[in-house]
N, C-alpha and C. Protein backbone atom coordinates (compact mmCIF):
# COMPACT_ATOMS: atom_id res chain seq x y z
N MET A 1 0.85 -1.18 0.00
CA MET A 1 0.00 0.00 0.00
C MET A 1 0.90 1.24 0.00
N ASN A 2 0.62 2.19 -0.90
CA ASN A 2 1.44 3.39 -0.92
C ASN A 2 1.09 4.28 0.27
N LEU A 3 1.93 5.31 0.49
CA LEU A 3 1.79 6.14 1.69
C LEU A 3 0.45 6.87 1.72
N ALA A 4 0.02 7.41 0.60
CA ALA A 4 -1.24 8.15 0.58
C ALA A 4 -2.42 7.26 0.94
N ARG A 5 -2.42 6.05 0.39
CA ARG A 5 -3.52 5.12 0.69
C ARG A 5 -3.50 4.72 2.15
N LYS A 6 -2.29 4.49 2.69
CA LYS A 6 -2.17 4.10 4.09
C LYS A 6 -2.69 5.20 5.01
N VAL A 7 -2.33 6.45 4.74
CA VAL A 7 -2.83 7.57 5.56
C VAL A 7 -4.35 7.64 5.49
N TRP A 8 -4.89 7.49 4.28
CA TRP A 8 -6.35 7.53 4.11
C TRP A 8 -7.02 6.41 4.89
N TYR A 9 -6.44 5.20 4.82
CA TYR A 9 -7.05 4.07 5.47
C TYR A 9 -6.96 4.18 6.99
N ASP A 10 -5.82 4.64 7.50
CA ASP A 10 -5.66 4.83 8.94
C ASP A 10 -6.65 5.87 9.46
N TYR A 11 -6.90 6.90 8.66
CA TYR A 11 -7.88 7.92 9.04
C TYR A 11 -9.28 7.30 9.12
N ARG A 12 -9.63 6.47 8.14
CA ARG A 12 -10.93 5.81 8.16
C ARG A 12 -11.07 4.91 9.39
N LYS A 13 -10.02 4.18 9.75
CA LYS A 13 -10.08 3.31 10.93
C LYS A 13 -10.31 4.12 12.20
N SER A 14 -9.63 5.26 12.33
CA SER A 14 -9.78 6.07 13.53
C SER A 14 -11.18 6.65 13.64
N ARG A 15 -11.79 6.99 12.51
CA ARG A 15 -13.15 7.52 12.52
C ARG A 15 -14.18 6.42 12.76
N ARG A 16 -13.91 5.23 12.26
CA ARG A 16 -14.86 4.13 12.37
C ARG A 16 -14.89 3.57 13.79
N PHE A 17 -13.73 3.56 14.48
CA PHE A 17 -13.63 2.92 15.79
C PHE A 17 -13.11 3.91 16.83
N PRO A 18 -13.86 4.95 17.15
CA PRO A 18 -13.39 5.93 18.12
C PRO A 18 -13.25 5.31 19.51
N GLY A 19 -12.16 5.63 20.17
CA GLY A 19 -11.94 5.10 21.51
C GLY A 19 -11.21 3.78 21.55
N ALA A 20 -11.01 3.15 20.39
CA ALA A 20 -10.23 1.91 20.32
C ALA A 20 -8.78 2.25 19.97
N ASN A 21 -7.87 1.40 20.39
CA ASN A 21 -6.45 1.58 20.12
C ASN A 21 -6.04 0.54 19.08
N ILE A 22 -5.95 0.96 17.82
CA ILE A 22 -5.72 0.04 16.71
C ILE A 22 -4.36 0.32 16.10
N SER A 23 -3.50 -0.69 16.09
CA SER A 23 -2.17 -0.53 15.50
C SER A 23 -2.26 -0.23 14.02
N ALA A 24 -1.35 0.61 13.55
CA ALA A 24 -1.26 0.89 12.12
C ALA A 24 -0.86 -0.36 11.34
N ASN A 25 -0.31 -1.36 12.04
CA ASN A 25 0.12 -2.59 11.38
C ASN A 25 -0.91 -3.71 11.51
N ALA A 26 -2.11 -3.39 11.97
CA ALA A 26 -3.21 -4.36 11.95
C ALA A 26 -3.90 -4.29 10.60
N ARG A 27 -4.34 -5.44 10.12
CA ARG A 27 -4.99 -5.51 8.80
C ARG A 27 -6.49 -5.72 9.02
N ILE A 28 -7.28 -4.75 8.60
CA ILE A 28 -8.72 -4.80 8.80
C ILE A 28 -9.41 -4.60 7.46
N GLY A 29 -10.27 -5.53 7.09
CA GLY A 29 -11.00 -5.43 5.84
C GLY A 29 -12.48 -5.25 6.09
N ALA A 30 -13.18 -4.60 5.13
CA ALA A 30 -14.62 -4.37 5.22
C ALA A 30 -14.99 -3.67 6.52
N LEU A 31 -14.52 -2.44 6.67
CA LEU A 31 -14.69 -1.71 7.92
C LEU A 31 -16.15 -1.63 8.35
N GLY A 32 -17.06 -1.53 7.40
CA GLY A 32 -18.47 -1.38 7.73
C GLY A 32 -19.10 -2.60 8.36
N SER A 33 -18.42 -3.75 8.30
CA SER A 33 -18.95 -4.99 8.86
C SER A 33 -18.29 -5.37 10.18
N ILE A 34 -17.48 -4.45 10.73
CA ILE A 34 -16.74 -4.73 11.95
C ILE A 34 -17.06 -3.68 13.00
N GLU A 35 -17.27 -4.11 14.25
CA GLU A 35 -17.45 -3.20 15.37
C GLU A 35 -16.37 -3.47 16.40
N ILE A 36 -15.76 -2.41 16.92
CA ILE A 36 -14.72 -2.53 17.95
C ILE A 36 -15.05 -1.55 19.06
N GLY A 37 -15.15 -2.05 20.29
CA GLY A 37 -15.60 -1.23 21.41
C GLY A 37 -14.51 -0.32 21.97
N VAL A 38 -14.96 0.62 22.78
CA VAL A 38 -14.08 1.57 23.44
C VAL A 38 -13.07 0.85 24.32
N GLY A 39 -11.83 1.30 24.28
CA GLY A 39 -10.79 0.75 25.14
C GLY A 39 -10.17 -0.54 24.66
N THR A 40 -10.65 -1.07 23.56
CA THR A 40 -10.08 -2.31 23.02
C THR A 40 -8.80 -2.02 22.25
N ALA A 41 -7.80 -2.89 22.43
CA ALA A 41 -6.51 -2.75 21.75
C ALA A 41 -6.38 -3.84 20.68
N ILE A 42 -6.09 -3.42 19.46
CA ILE A 42 -5.82 -4.33 18.35
C ILE A 42 -4.34 -4.17 18.03
N LEU A 43 -3.53 -5.15 18.37
CA LEU A 43 -2.08 -5.02 18.32
C LEU A 43 -1.51 -5.32 16.93
N PRO A 44 -0.22 -5.02 16.73
CA PRO A 44 0.39 -5.24 15.41
C PRO A 44 0.28 -6.68 14.93
N GLY A 45 0.04 -6.81 13.63
CA GLY A 45 -0.04 -8.12 13.01
C GLY A 45 -1.39 -8.78 13.06
N VAL A 46 -2.34 -8.21 13.79
CA VAL A 46 -3.69 -8.79 13.88
C VAL A 46 -4.40 -8.63 12.54
N THR A 47 -5.17 -9.64 12.16
CA THR A 47 -6.01 -9.59 10.97
C THR A 47 -7.47 -9.73 11.38
N LEU A 48 -8.29 -8.78 10.96
CA LEU A 48 -9.74 -8.86 11.11
C LEU A 48 -10.33 -8.69 9.72
N HIS A 49 -11.08 -9.67 9.25
CA HIS A 49 -11.76 -9.43 7.99
C HIS A 49 -13.01 -10.28 7.87
N THR A 50 -13.93 -9.81 7.03
CA THR A 50 -15.25 -10.42 6.95
C THR A 50 -15.61 -10.81 5.53
N GLY A 51 -14.64 -11.09 4.70
CA GLY A 51 -14.95 -11.49 3.34
C GLY A 51 -13.69 -11.80 2.57
N THR A 52 -13.80 -11.78 1.25
CA THR A 52 -12.69 -12.13 0.38
C THR A 52 -12.14 -10.88 -0.28
N PRO A 53 -10.81 -10.68 -0.26
CA PRO A 53 -10.25 -9.49 -0.89
C PRO A 53 -10.25 -9.60 -2.41
N PHE A 54 -10.80 -8.59 -3.07
CA PHE A 54 -10.80 -8.57 -4.52
C PHE A 54 -9.54 -7.90 -5.07
N GLU A 55 -8.99 -6.96 -4.32
CA GLU A 55 -7.82 -6.24 -4.81
C GLU A 55 -6.66 -6.29 -3.83
N SER A 56 -6.91 -6.00 -2.58
CA SER A 56 -5.86 -5.99 -1.58
C SER A 56 -6.49 -6.22 -0.22
N PRO A 57 -5.69 -6.55 0.82
CA PRO A 57 -6.27 -6.74 2.15
C PRO A 57 -6.88 -5.49 2.75
N GLU A 58 -6.64 -4.33 2.17
CA GLU A 58 -7.11 -3.09 2.76
C GLU A 58 -8.34 -2.51 2.05
N ARG A 59 -8.59 -2.91 0.81
CA ARG A 59 -9.64 -2.27 0.03
C ARG A 59 -10.46 -3.32 -0.72
N LEU A 60 -11.70 -2.93 -1.02
CA LEU A 60 -12.57 -3.72 -1.87
C LEU A 60 -12.80 -5.14 -1.37
N TRP A 61 -13.19 -5.22 -0.11
CA TRP A 61 -13.55 -6.52 0.45
C TRP A 61 -15.03 -6.79 0.20
N SER A 62 -15.37 -8.04 -0.03
CA SER A 62 -16.76 -8.46 -0.08
C SER A 62 -17.21 -8.77 1.35
N PRO A 63 -18.07 -7.94 1.94
CA PRO A 63 -18.41 -8.10 3.37
C PRO A 63 -19.42 -9.20 3.62
N ASP A 64 -18.94 -10.45 3.63
CA ASP A 64 -19.84 -11.60 3.75
C ASP A 64 -20.32 -11.85 5.17
N GLY A 65 -19.58 -11.43 6.19
CA GLY A 65 -19.93 -11.73 7.57
C GLY A 65 -19.81 -10.51 8.45
N THR A 66 -19.85 -10.73 9.77
CA THR A 66 -19.74 -9.62 10.72
C THR A 66 -18.84 -10.03 11.88
N ILE A 67 -18.07 -9.07 12.38
CA ILE A 67 -17.25 -9.24 13.56
C ILE A 67 -17.60 -8.14 14.55
N LYS A 68 -17.91 -8.51 15.78
CA LYS A 68 -18.19 -7.55 16.83
C LYS A 68 -17.30 -7.84 18.02
N ILE A 69 -16.47 -6.86 18.40
CA ILE A 69 -15.57 -6.99 19.54
C ILE A 69 -15.98 -5.95 20.58
N GLY A 70 -16.17 -6.37 21.82
CA GLY A 70 -16.67 -5.49 22.86
C GLY A 70 -15.63 -4.52 23.40
N GLU A 71 -15.88 -4.02 24.59
CA GLU A 71 -15.04 -2.99 25.20
C GLU A 71 -13.90 -3.60 26.02
N TYR A 72 -12.78 -2.90 26.01
CA TYR A 72 -11.61 -3.22 26.85
C TYR A 72 -11.11 -4.65 26.62
N CYS A 73 -11.09 -5.04 25.35
CA CYS A 73 -10.51 -6.32 24.96
C CYS A 73 -9.07 -6.11 24.50
N SER A 74 -8.32 -7.19 24.41
CA SER A 74 -6.96 -7.16 23.88
C SER A 74 -6.83 -8.28 22.85
N ILE A 75 -6.64 -7.89 21.59
CA ILE A 75 -6.43 -8.85 20.51
C ILE A 75 -4.96 -8.73 20.14
N ARG A 76 -4.18 -9.76 20.44
CA ARG A 76 -2.72 -9.63 20.47
C ARG A 76 -2.06 -10.12 19.18
N TYR A 77 -0.76 -9.93 19.14
CA TYR A 77 0.05 -10.04 17.94
C TYR A 77 -0.29 -11.26 17.08
N ASN A 78 -0.60 -10.96 15.79
CA ASN A 78 -0.78 -11.98 14.75
C ASN A 78 -1.99 -12.88 14.96
N ALA A 79 -2.89 -12.52 15.87
CA ALA A 79 -4.16 -13.24 15.93
C ALA A 79 -4.98 -12.91 14.69
N ALA A 80 -5.84 -13.85 14.28
CA ALA A 80 -6.68 -13.65 13.10
C ALA A 80 -8.12 -14.02 13.41
N LEU A 81 -9.03 -13.06 13.20
CA LEU A 81 -10.47 -13.29 13.30
C LEU A 81 -11.03 -13.09 11.91
N ILE A 82 -11.56 -14.16 11.32
CA ILE A 82 -11.90 -14.16 9.91
C ILE A 82 -13.30 -14.72 9.72
N CYS A 83 -14.13 -14.01 8.95
CA CYS A 83 -15.46 -14.49 8.60
C CYS A 83 -15.57 -14.59 7.09
N ALA A 84 -16.33 -15.56 6.63
CA ALA A 84 -16.63 -15.69 5.21
C ALA A 84 -17.97 -16.39 5.08
N GLY A 85 -18.65 -16.15 3.96
CA GLY A 85 -19.90 -16.84 3.73
C GLY A 85 -20.95 -16.58 4.78
N GLU A 86 -21.09 -15.34 5.21
CA GLU A 86 -22.08 -14.90 6.18
C GLU A 86 -21.79 -15.38 7.59
N GLY A 87 -20.58 -15.80 7.88
CA GLY A 87 -20.21 -16.18 9.23
C GLY A 87 -20.17 -14.98 10.17
N THR A 88 -20.24 -15.25 11.48
CA THR A 88 -20.22 -14.18 12.48
C THR A 88 -19.29 -14.54 13.62
N ILE A 89 -18.62 -13.52 14.15
CA ILE A 89 -17.81 -13.65 15.36
C ILE A 89 -18.24 -12.54 16.31
N SER A 90 -18.62 -12.91 17.53
CA SER A 90 -19.03 -11.94 18.53
C SER A 90 -18.20 -12.15 19.79
N VAL A 91 -17.48 -11.11 20.20
CA VAL A 91 -16.59 -11.16 21.36
C VAL A 91 -17.12 -10.18 22.39
N GLY A 92 -17.25 -10.62 23.65
CA GLY A 92 -17.78 -9.76 24.70
C GLY A 92 -16.78 -8.73 25.19
N ASN A 93 -16.97 -8.27 26.42
CA ASN A 93 -16.10 -7.25 27.02
C ASN A 93 -14.99 -7.90 27.85
N HIS A 94 -13.86 -7.22 27.92
CA HIS A 94 -12.73 -7.66 28.76
C HIS A 94 -12.25 -9.08 28.37
N VAL A 95 -12.14 -9.30 27.09
CA VAL A 95 -11.67 -10.59 26.57
C VAL A 95 -10.24 -10.42 26.06
N GLN A 96 -9.40 -11.39 26.35
CA GLN A 96 -8.02 -11.38 25.88
C GLN A 96 -7.79 -12.54 24.93
N ILE A 97 -7.43 -12.23 23.69
CA ILE A 97 -7.12 -13.23 22.68
C ILE A 97 -5.64 -13.08 22.35
N ASN A 98 -4.87 -14.10 22.66
CA ASN A 98 -3.42 -13.99 22.64
C ASN A 98 -2.81 -14.32 21.27
N PRO A 99 -1.48 -14.16 21.14
CA PRO A 99 -0.84 -14.25 19.82
C PRO A 99 -1.13 -15.54 19.08
N ASN A 100 -1.30 -15.37 17.75
CA ASN A 100 -1.41 -16.47 16.79
C ASN A 100 -2.68 -17.30 16.92
N CYS A 101 -3.66 -16.81 17.68
CA CYS A 101 -4.95 -17.49 17.69
C CYS A 101 -5.64 -17.31 16.34
N VAL A 102 -6.42 -18.32 15.95
CA VAL A 102 -7.23 -18.24 14.73
C VAL A 102 -8.67 -18.55 15.08
N ILE A 103 -9.55 -17.61 14.78
CA ILE A 103 -10.99 -17.83 14.92
C ILE A 103 -11.59 -17.62 13.54
N TYR A 104 -12.13 -18.68 12.99
CA TYR A 104 -12.61 -18.64 11.60
C TYR A 104 -14.07 -19.06 11.57
N ALA A 105 -14.93 -18.19 11.09
CA ALA A 105 -16.36 -18.49 11.00
C ALA A 105 -16.80 -18.38 9.55
N GLY A 106 -17.27 -19.46 8.99
CA GLY A 106 -17.77 -19.44 7.63
C GLY A 106 -19.11 -20.13 7.55
N GLY A 107 -19.87 -19.84 6.50
CA GLY A 107 -21.17 -20.47 6.33
C GLY A 107 -22.26 -19.74 7.10
N LYS A 108 -23.44 -20.34 7.13
CA LYS A 108 -24.62 -19.68 7.68
C LYS A 108 -25.00 -20.22 9.06
N GLY A 109 -24.08 -20.84 9.76
CA GLY A 109 -24.36 -21.30 11.11
C GLY A 109 -24.33 -20.15 12.10
N LYS A 110 -24.27 -20.49 13.38
CA LYS A 110 -24.30 -19.47 14.42
C LYS A 110 -22.96 -18.80 14.66
N GLY A 111 -21.91 -19.26 13.97
CA GLY A 111 -20.61 -18.63 14.12
C GLY A 111 -20.00 -18.90 15.47
N VAL A 112 -19.22 -17.91 15.96
CA VAL A 112 -18.53 -18.01 17.24
C VAL A 112 -19.02 -16.90 18.16
N THR A 113 -19.42 -17.27 19.38
CA THR A 113 -19.79 -16.28 20.40
C THR A 113 -18.91 -16.51 21.62
N ILE A 114 -18.20 -15.46 22.04
CA ILE A 114 -17.32 -15.50 23.21
C ILE A 114 -17.83 -14.47 24.21
N ASP A 115 -18.18 -14.90 25.40
CA ASP A 115 -18.76 -13.99 26.39
C ASP A 115 -17.66 -13.23 27.14
N ASP A 116 -18.07 -12.44 28.13
CA ASP A 116 -17.17 -11.52 28.83
C ASP A 116 -16.09 -12.24 29.64
N HIS A 117 -14.97 -11.56 29.83
CA HIS A 117 -13.89 -11.94 30.76
C HIS A 117 -13.22 -13.27 30.40
N CYS A 118 -13.19 -13.62 29.13
CA CYS A 118 -12.52 -14.86 28.73
C CYS A 118 -11.04 -14.62 28.45
N LEU A 119 -10.24 -15.66 28.69
CA LEU A 119 -8.81 -15.66 28.38
C LEU A 119 -8.57 -16.78 27.39
N ILE A 120 -8.02 -16.43 26.24
CA ILE A 120 -7.74 -17.42 25.20
C ILE A 120 -6.25 -17.37 24.90
N ALA A 121 -5.54 -18.43 25.25
CA ALA A 121 -4.08 -18.44 25.18
C ALA A 121 -3.60 -18.62 23.74
N ALA A 122 -2.28 -18.46 23.57
CA ALA A 122 -1.66 -18.44 22.25
C ALA A 122 -1.92 -19.72 21.46
N ASN A 123 -2.05 -19.54 20.14
CA ASN A 123 -2.13 -20.63 19.16
C ASN A 123 -3.42 -21.44 19.23
N THR A 124 -4.42 -20.94 19.93
CA THR A 124 -5.71 -21.62 19.96
C THR A 124 -6.41 -21.46 18.60
N VAL A 125 -7.12 -22.51 18.19
CA VAL A 125 -7.88 -22.50 16.94
C VAL A 125 -9.34 -22.81 17.25
N ILE A 126 -10.23 -21.92 16.84
CA ILE A 126 -11.67 -22.06 17.09
C ILE A 126 -12.37 -21.97 15.73
N VAL A 127 -12.96 -23.08 15.27
CA VAL A 127 -13.53 -23.12 13.92
C VAL A 127 -14.90 -23.81 13.95
N PRO A 128 -15.99 -23.07 13.77
CA PRO A 128 -17.32 -23.67 13.77
C PRO A 128 -17.75 -24.11 12.37
N ASN A 129 -16.93 -24.90 11.73
CA ASN A 129 -17.21 -25.38 10.38
C ASN A 129 -16.63 -26.77 10.18
N ASN A 130 -17.27 -27.51 9.28
CA ASN A 130 -16.73 -28.79 8.83
C ASN A 130 -16.94 -28.89 7.32
N HIS A 131 -16.00 -29.52 6.64
CA HIS A 131 -16.18 -29.81 5.22
C HIS A 131 -17.13 -30.99 5.05
N VAL A 132 -18.01 -30.90 4.06
CA VAL A 132 -18.84 -32.03 3.67
C VAL A 132 -17.98 -32.96 2.80
N PHE A 133 -18.07 -34.28 3.03
CA PHE A 133 -17.19 -35.21 2.31
C PHE A 133 -17.90 -36.49 1.88
N SER A 134 -19.23 -36.44 1.78
CA SER A 134 -20.01 -37.65 1.51
C SER A 134 -19.88 -38.16 0.09
N GLU A 135 -19.59 -37.28 -0.87
CA GLU A 135 -19.51 -37.67 -2.28
C GLU A 135 -18.09 -38.07 -2.63
N LEU A 136 -17.91 -39.32 -3.03
CA LEU A 136 -16.58 -39.82 -3.35
C LEU A 136 -16.13 -39.46 -4.76
N ASP A 137 -17.06 -39.00 -5.60
CA ASP A 137 -16.71 -38.73 -6.99
C ASP A 137 -16.38 -37.26 -7.26
N GLN A 138 -16.27 -36.46 -6.21
CA GLN A 138 -15.82 -35.09 -6.40
C GLN A 138 -14.94 -34.67 -5.24
N PRO A 139 -14.04 -33.70 -5.48
CA PRO A 139 -13.13 -33.27 -4.42
C PRO A 139 -13.88 -32.72 -3.21
N ILE A 140 -13.33 -32.94 -2.03
CA ILE A 140 -13.93 -32.44 -0.80
C ILE A 140 -14.11 -30.93 -0.86
N ARG A 141 -13.14 -30.24 -1.44
CA ARG A 141 -13.21 -28.78 -1.46
C ARG A 141 -14.41 -28.24 -2.24
N LEU A 142 -15.03 -29.08 -3.08
CA LEU A 142 -16.17 -28.65 -3.88
C LEU A 142 -17.51 -29.02 -3.26
N GLN A 143 -17.50 -29.70 -2.11
CA GLN A 143 -18.75 -30.21 -1.54
C GLN A 143 -19.37 -29.29 -0.50
N GLY A 144 -18.77 -28.14 -0.28
CA GLY A 144 -19.35 -27.20 0.66
C GLY A 144 -18.99 -27.51 2.10
N THR A 145 -19.61 -26.77 3.01
CA THR A 145 -19.33 -26.92 4.43
C THR A 145 -20.63 -26.95 5.22
N SER A 146 -20.53 -27.43 6.45
CA SER A 146 -21.64 -27.37 7.40
C SER A 146 -21.18 -26.56 8.61
N SER A 147 -22.13 -25.95 9.31
CA SER A 147 -21.78 -25.13 10.46
C SER A 147 -22.91 -25.12 11.46
N ILE A 148 -22.59 -25.45 12.72
CA ILE A 148 -23.56 -25.38 13.81
C ILE A 148 -23.31 -24.15 14.67
N GLY A 149 -22.06 -23.93 15.02
CA GLY A 149 -21.69 -22.77 15.85
C GLY A 149 -20.98 -23.20 17.11
N ILE A 150 -20.21 -22.28 17.67
CA ILE A 150 -19.48 -22.49 18.92
C ILE A 150 -19.84 -21.36 19.88
N THR A 151 -20.14 -21.74 21.14
CA THR A 151 -20.46 -20.76 22.17
C THR A 151 -19.51 -20.95 23.34
N ILE A 152 -18.85 -19.88 23.75
CA ILE A 152 -17.94 -19.90 24.89
C ILE A 152 -18.49 -18.95 25.94
N GLY A 153 -18.75 -19.47 27.13
CA GLY A 153 -19.40 -18.70 28.18
C GLY A 153 -18.50 -17.67 28.84
N LYS A 154 -18.98 -17.10 29.94
CA LYS A 154 -18.23 -16.08 30.67
C LYS A 154 -17.08 -16.68 31.48
N ASP A 155 -16.02 -15.90 31.61
CA ASP A 155 -14.91 -16.23 32.52
C ASP A 155 -14.32 -17.60 32.22
N VAL A 156 -14.16 -17.90 30.95
CA VAL A 156 -13.56 -19.16 30.51
C VAL A 156 -12.07 -18.93 30.25
N TRP A 157 -11.25 -19.87 30.67
CA TRP A 157 -9.81 -19.83 30.38
C TRP A 157 -9.48 -21.00 29.47
N ILE A 158 -9.02 -20.67 28.27
CA ILE A 158 -8.62 -21.68 27.30
C ILE A 158 -7.10 -21.64 27.18
N GLY A 159 -6.45 -22.76 27.44
CA GLY A 159 -4.99 -22.82 27.43
C GLY A 159 -4.40 -22.80 26.04
N ALA A 160 -3.08 -22.79 25.98
CA ALA A 160 -2.36 -22.68 24.72
C ALA A 160 -2.58 -23.92 23.84
N ASN A 161 -2.63 -23.68 22.53
CA ASN A 161 -2.67 -24.74 21.51
C ASN A 161 -3.95 -25.58 21.55
N VAL A 162 -5.01 -25.04 22.10
CA VAL A 162 -6.29 -25.75 22.14
C VAL A 162 -6.98 -25.66 20.78
N VAL A 163 -7.73 -26.71 20.43
CA VAL A 163 -8.60 -26.70 19.25
C VAL A 163 -10.03 -26.91 19.71
N VAL A 164 -10.93 -26.01 19.30
CA VAL A 164 -12.35 -26.11 19.63
C VAL A 164 -13.11 -26.35 18.33
N LEU A 165 -13.86 -27.45 18.27
CA LEU A 165 -14.53 -27.86 17.04
C LEU A 165 -16.01 -27.46 17.02
N ASP A 166 -16.60 -27.54 15.85
CA ASP A 166 -17.96 -27.07 15.62
C ASP A 166 -18.97 -27.78 16.51
N GLY A 167 -19.99 -27.05 16.93
CA GLY A 167 -21.09 -27.60 17.71
C GLY A 167 -20.88 -27.60 19.20
N VAL A 168 -19.73 -27.07 19.66
CA VAL A 168 -19.37 -27.12 21.08
C VAL A 168 -19.88 -25.89 21.82
N THR A 169 -20.36 -26.12 23.05
CA THR A 169 -20.62 -25.04 24.01
C THR A 169 -19.72 -25.25 25.22
N ILE A 170 -18.98 -24.23 25.60
CA ILE A 170 -18.12 -24.28 26.79
C ILE A 170 -18.80 -23.43 27.86
N GLY A 171 -19.13 -24.04 28.98
CA GLY A 171 -19.91 -23.37 30.00
C GLY A 171 -19.13 -22.30 30.76
N ASP A 172 -19.86 -21.42 31.46
CA ASP A 172 -19.26 -20.35 32.25
C ASP A 172 -18.24 -20.92 33.23
N GLY A 173 -17.12 -20.23 33.37
CA GLY A 173 -16.14 -20.58 34.38
C GLY A 173 -15.30 -21.80 34.09
N ALA A 174 -15.44 -22.40 32.91
CA ALA A 174 -14.70 -23.61 32.59
C ALA A 174 -13.23 -23.29 32.28
N ILE A 175 -12.38 -24.30 32.44
CA ILE A 175 -10.96 -24.21 32.09
C ILE A 175 -10.64 -25.35 31.14
N VAL A 176 -10.00 -24.99 30.01
CA VAL A 176 -9.59 -25.99 29.02
C VAL A 176 -8.07 -26.05 29.02
N GLY A 177 -7.52 -27.21 29.38
CA GLY A 177 -6.08 -27.36 29.50
C GLY A 177 -5.35 -27.26 28.18
N ALA A 178 -4.09 -26.92 28.24
CA ALA A 178 -3.27 -26.74 27.05
C ALA A 178 -3.30 -27.97 26.15
N SER A 179 -3.39 -27.69 24.84
CA SER A 179 -3.35 -28.72 23.78
C SER A 179 -4.56 -29.64 23.75
N ALA A 180 -5.61 -29.31 24.49
CA ALA A 180 -6.83 -30.11 24.43
C ALA A 180 -7.53 -29.92 23.09
N VAL A 181 -8.27 -30.96 22.68
CA VAL A 181 -9.13 -30.88 21.50
C VAL A 181 -10.56 -31.06 21.98
N VAL A 182 -11.34 -30.00 21.89
CA VAL A 182 -12.69 -29.98 22.46
C VAL A 182 -13.68 -30.39 21.39
N THR A 183 -14.27 -31.57 21.56
CA THR A 183 -15.17 -32.13 20.56
C THR A 183 -16.62 -32.18 21.04
N LYS A 184 -16.86 -31.95 22.34
CA LYS A 184 -18.23 -31.97 22.86
C LYS A 184 -18.34 -30.92 23.96
N ASP A 185 -19.56 -30.68 24.42
CA ASP A 185 -19.82 -29.59 25.36
C ASP A 185 -19.02 -29.77 26.65
N VAL A 186 -18.62 -28.63 27.21
CA VAL A 186 -17.89 -28.59 28.48
C VAL A 186 -18.81 -28.00 29.53
N PRO A 187 -19.09 -28.71 30.64
CA PRO A 187 -20.01 -28.17 31.65
C PRO A 187 -19.46 -26.92 32.34
N ARG A 188 -20.34 -26.19 32.95
CA ARG A 188 -19.99 -25.02 33.75
C ARG A 188 -18.97 -25.39 34.84
N ASN A 189 -17.93 -24.59 34.96
CA ASN A 189 -16.88 -24.73 35.98
C ASN A 189 -16.06 -26.01 35.87
N ALA A 190 -16.19 -26.73 34.77
CA ALA A 190 -15.41 -27.95 34.59
C ALA A 190 -13.98 -27.62 34.16
N ILE A 191 -13.05 -28.51 34.52
CA ILE A 191 -11.68 -28.45 34.02
C ILE A 191 -11.50 -29.66 33.12
N VAL A 192 -11.16 -29.40 31.85
CA VAL A 192 -11.03 -30.49 30.88
C VAL A 192 -9.62 -30.50 30.29
N VAL A 193 -9.14 -31.69 29.97
CA VAL A 193 -7.82 -31.85 29.35
C VAL A 193 -7.89 -32.99 28.35
N GLY A 194 -6.90 -33.04 27.45
CA GLY A 194 -6.72 -34.20 26.60
C GLY A 194 -7.33 -34.10 25.22
N ASN A 195 -7.13 -35.17 24.46
CA ASN A 195 -7.65 -35.30 23.09
C ASN A 195 -8.29 -36.68 22.95
N PRO A 196 -9.65 -36.72 22.91
CA PRO A 196 -10.58 -35.61 23.06
C PRO A 196 -10.63 -35.12 24.50
N ALA A 197 -11.03 -33.88 24.69
CA ALA A 197 -11.06 -33.29 26.03
C ALA A 197 -12.05 -34.03 26.93
N ARG A 198 -11.64 -34.25 28.17
CA ARG A 198 -12.50 -34.94 29.14
C ARG A 198 -12.43 -34.19 30.47
N VAL A 199 -13.48 -34.30 31.25
CA VAL A 199 -13.55 -33.61 32.54
C VAL A 199 -12.65 -34.34 33.55
N THR A 200 -11.78 -33.59 34.21
CA THR A 200 -10.96 -34.17 35.29
C THR A 200 -11.49 -33.79 36.66
N ARG A 201 -12.04 -32.59 36.78
CA ARG A 201 -12.68 -32.17 38.03
C ARG A 201 -13.44 -30.88 37.78
N TYR A 202 -14.07 -30.37 38.85
CA TYR A 202 -14.82 -29.13 38.76
C TYR A 202 -14.23 -28.10 39.73
N ARG A 203 -14.22 -26.87 39.34
CA ARG A 203 -13.63 -25.80 40.16
C ARG A 203 -14.38 -25.63 41.48
N ASP A 204 -15.67 -25.93 41.49
CA ASP A 204 -16.50 -25.66 42.67
C ASP A 204 -16.77 -26.93 43.48
N LYS A 205 -15.99 -27.98 43.26
CA LYS A 205 -16.22 -29.22 44.02
C LYS A 205 -14.90 -29.73 44.57
């Protein structure tokens, strides 16, 4: 991006998201489909986009989905929140999403909902989609996708390198141990570990 375009785009970001602290090195596409609350920090290297770039990551995006980030959140270095095909990502207030996390919502399912006060550690992957693969006579990539949605409750701590798969609800106050693969619902206040993730105990018992 040349200097004039960069200045113009940075000006648009500041007007679109007043009160947010957005790095000049964050990549944001389809500004009209993204909401960022007051006091939220979007750090260098973060990618937020809601469609497919026709020309560049900064201009002419097809706004297929929506991203809403609440107040006083921290989206840290090189995290990516991406929507396509009418997908949605909704992040509550006081949420911390750490470096290299990927949250990808595609299709017409419920997308990803993350409630207030959640901590999501580095390298976590949250994807509420699956490829359809029932037809053996055509490539999987041509068979479309299915999507149910992922819901993460309040005050959830997700450890590093966790994978959360489609259709999962993680209850309020739950803790997901590092490197777990979450394939089914996690009860409120449960501590889960492993692949597939299983309950080891409860915080309140």
